[in-house]
Amino acid sequence: MKKNLLTLFIALLSFSLSAQNADDICGIFHSVDPFSKEGSQCEIYKAADGTYEAKVVWVENPKKKNQLGLVFMTGLTYNAKDNEYQNGKLKYPGKKGTYKTYIRLVNYGKTLKMRGYLGVSLFGMTVDWTRESKLRPQK
């Protein structure tokens, strides 16, 4: 009996440690653009309608300062069952069209895997973003 209770306690503890709060996605992340290979920082925050959005808050290339403040991702909702943020829309600066997106937090929330795609997720690209504790100074 004690062994069963201990097993149950360990299982519940490990589940609670791996469970995620929807707002865990909020914060500042650094990523490298897969096309230009330039870095940027984005802030993910909760929008007034309860979904999650992302905007550009720092760019490595000073010529792209016009993108600061640009909200490029909208509509993300948290699906606790899949432990994933889904139903997002992504507008890539300089590209035509709107992409669908979903996101997973990995590495205890230190890394974000964002998948952007047209139509079916098979035809898309995954980009890793790294959580950062503060905003980089803009040059």
Protein backbone atom coordinates (compact mmCIF):
# COMPACT_ATOMS: atom_id res chain seq x y z
CA MET A 1 0.00 0.00 0.00
CA LYS A 2 2.79 2.43 0.92
CA LYS A 3 4.54 1.61 -2.35
CA ASN A 4 1.37 2.44 -4.34
CA LEU A 5 0.93 5.75 -2.53
CA LEU A 6 4.57 6.67 -3.09
CA THR A 7 4.28 5.82 -6.80
CA LEU A 8 1.10 7.90 -7.08
CA PHE A 9 2.75 10.84 -5.27
CA ILE A 10 5.80 10.74 -7.56
CA ALA A 11 3.59 10.54 -10.65
CA LEU A 12 1.50 13.53 -9.52
CA LEU A 13 4.59 15.53 -8.62
CA SER A 14 6.22 14.91 -11.99
CA PHE A 15 2.99 15.82 -13.78
CA SER A 16 2.66 19.08 -11.85
CA LEU A 17 6.28 19.98 -12.57
CA SER A 18 5.78 19.41 -16.29
CA ALA A 19 2.38 21.09 -16.44
CA GLN A 20 2.42 24.51 -17.97
CA ASN A 21 0.54 27.68 -17.19
CA ALA A 22 -0.82 29.41 -20.32
CA ASP A 23 0.96 32.68 -19.44
CA ASP A 24 4.35 30.91 -19.34
CA ILE A 25 4.79 31.96 -22.97
CA CYS A 26 4.89 35.65 -22.04
CA GLY A 27 8.29 37.30 -22.13
CA ILE A 28 11.17 38.38 -24.34
CA PHE A 29 12.72 35.96 -26.83
CA HIS A 30 15.66 36.18 -29.21
CA SER A 31 15.59 34.52 -32.62
CA VAL A 32 17.62 34.48 -35.79
CA ASP A 33 15.70 35.14 -38.99
CA PRO A 34 15.99 31.99 -41.15
CA PHE A 35 16.11 34.09 -44.34
CA SER A 36 18.35 37.07 -43.50
CA LYS A 37 20.27 35.34 -40.65
CA GLU A 38 19.86 38.53 -38.58
CA GLY A 39 18.87 38.50 -34.93
CA SER A 40 15.87 40.14 -33.32
CA GLN A 41 14.04 40.16 -30.02
CA CYS A 42 10.31 39.70 -29.78
CA GLU A 43 7.97 40.19 -26.88
CA ILE A 44 5.09 37.77 -26.44
CA TYR A 45 2.23 39.12 -24.35
CA LYS A 46 -1.42 38.46 -23.58
CA ALA A 47 -3.76 40.55 -25.73
CA ALA A 48 -6.99 42.14 -24.48
CA ASP A 49 -9.05 39.32 -26.02
CA GLY A 50 -7.12 36.67 -24.02
CA THR A 51 -5.06 35.38 -26.95
CA TYR A 52 -1.30 35.82 -27.25
CA GLU A 53 0.52 38.15 -29.62
CA ALA A 54 4.14 38.94 -30.45
CA LYS A 55 5.80 42.17 -31.48
CA VAL A 56 9.33 43.14 -32.50
CA VAL A 57 11.19 44.98 -29.71
CA TRP A 58 14.84 44.89 -30.91
CA VAL A 59 16.55 44.36 -34.27
CA GLU A 60 20.18 43.56 -34.94
CA ASN A 61 20.18 45.40 -38.27
CA PRO A 62 19.70 49.16 -37.62
CA LYS A 63 18.24 49.51 -41.13
CA LYS A 64 15.22 47.52 -39.92
CA LYS A 65 14.29 49.88 -37.08
CA ASN A 66 11.02 50.53 -38.88
CA GLN A 67 9.93 47.05 -37.72
CA LEU A 68 10.14 48.00 -34.02
CA GLY A 69 6.70 47.69 -32.45
CA LEU A 70 5.37 45.62 -35.35
CA VAL A 71 2.82 43.06 -34.14
CA PHE A 72 3.56 40.12 -36.43
CA MET A 73 1.88 37.23 -34.63
CA THR A 74 -1.70 37.18 -33.33
CA GLY A 75 -4.44 34.84 -32.22
CA LEU A 76 -2.45 32.21 -30.31
CA THR A 77 -4.53 30.21 -27.85
CA TYR A 78 -3.23 27.71 -25.31
CA ASN A 79 -4.34 24.09 -25.64
CA ALA A 80 -3.54 22.43 -22.30
CA LYS A 81 -4.29 18.95 -23.62
CA ASP A 82 -1.62 19.26 -26.33
CA ASN A 83 0.58 21.55 -24.19
CA GLU A 84 0.81 23.83 -27.22
CA TYR A 85 -0.18 27.31 -28.40
CA GLN A 86 -2.31 27.01 -31.51
CA ASN A 87 -4.39 28.89 -34.10
CA GLY A 88 -1.89 31.71 -34.47
CA LYS A 89 -1.51 33.92 -37.53
CA LEU A 90 1.94 35.05 -38.57
CA LYS A 91 2.74 37.96 -40.89
CA TYR A 92 6.37 37.82 -41.90
CA PRO A 93 7.83 41.30 -42.59
CA GLY A 94 8.68 41.65 -46.26
CA LYS A 95 6.78 38.52 -47.35
CA LYS A 96 3.31 38.34 -48.84
CA GLY A 97 0.58 36.30 -47.22
CA THR A 98 -0.32 35.18 -43.75
CA TYR A 99 1.05 31.99 -42.28
CA LYS A 100 -0.52 29.73 -39.67
CA THR A 101 1.56 29.04 -36.60
CA TYR A 102 1.77 26.98 -33.46
CA ILE A 103 4.26 27.08 -30.62
CA ARG A 104 5.66 24.72 -28.02
CA LEU A 105 7.75 25.69 -25.02
CA VAL A 106 10.62 23.28 -24.33
CA ASN A 107 13.65 23.13 -22.06
CA TYR A 108 11.59 24.30 -19.03
CA GLY A 109 10.32 27.35 -20.93
CA LYS A 110 13.79 28.55 -21.92
CA THR A 111 13.26 27.69 -25.59
CA LEU A 112 10.27 28.25 -27.82
CA LYS A 113 9.73 26.23 -31.01
CA MET A 114 7.59 28.19 -33.45
CA ARG A 115 6.26 26.44 -36.54
CA GLY A 116 5.03 28.64 -39.38
CA TYR A 117 3.32 27.14 -42.41
CA LEU A 118 0.97 27.65 -45.33
CA GLY A 119 -1.91 25.22 -45.56
CA VAL A 120 -0.55 22.07 -43.90
CA SER A 121 2.16 22.14 -41.21
CA LEU A 122 4.16 19.65 -43.28
CA PHE A 123 4.95 22.56 -45.61
CA GLY A 124 6.54 24.95 -43.19
CA MET A 125 9.53 25.83 -41.07
CA THR A 126 10.33 25.62 -37.37
CA VAL A 127 12.38 28.37 -35.75
CA ASP A 128 13.82 28.20 -32.23
CA TRP A 129 13.58 31.26 -30.01
CA THR A 130 15.58 31.62 -26.80
CA ARG A 131 14.09 33.31 -23.73
CA GLU A 132 16.04 36.35 -22.54
CA SER A 133 15.70 38.18 -19.25
CA LYS A 134 15.97 41.73 -20.55
CA LEU A 135 15.65 43.89 -23.62
CA ARG A 136 18.83 44.49 -25.59
CA PRO A 137 19.83 48.13 -26.16
CA GLN A 138 18.85 49.27 -29.65
CA LYS A 139 21.62 50.89 -31.72
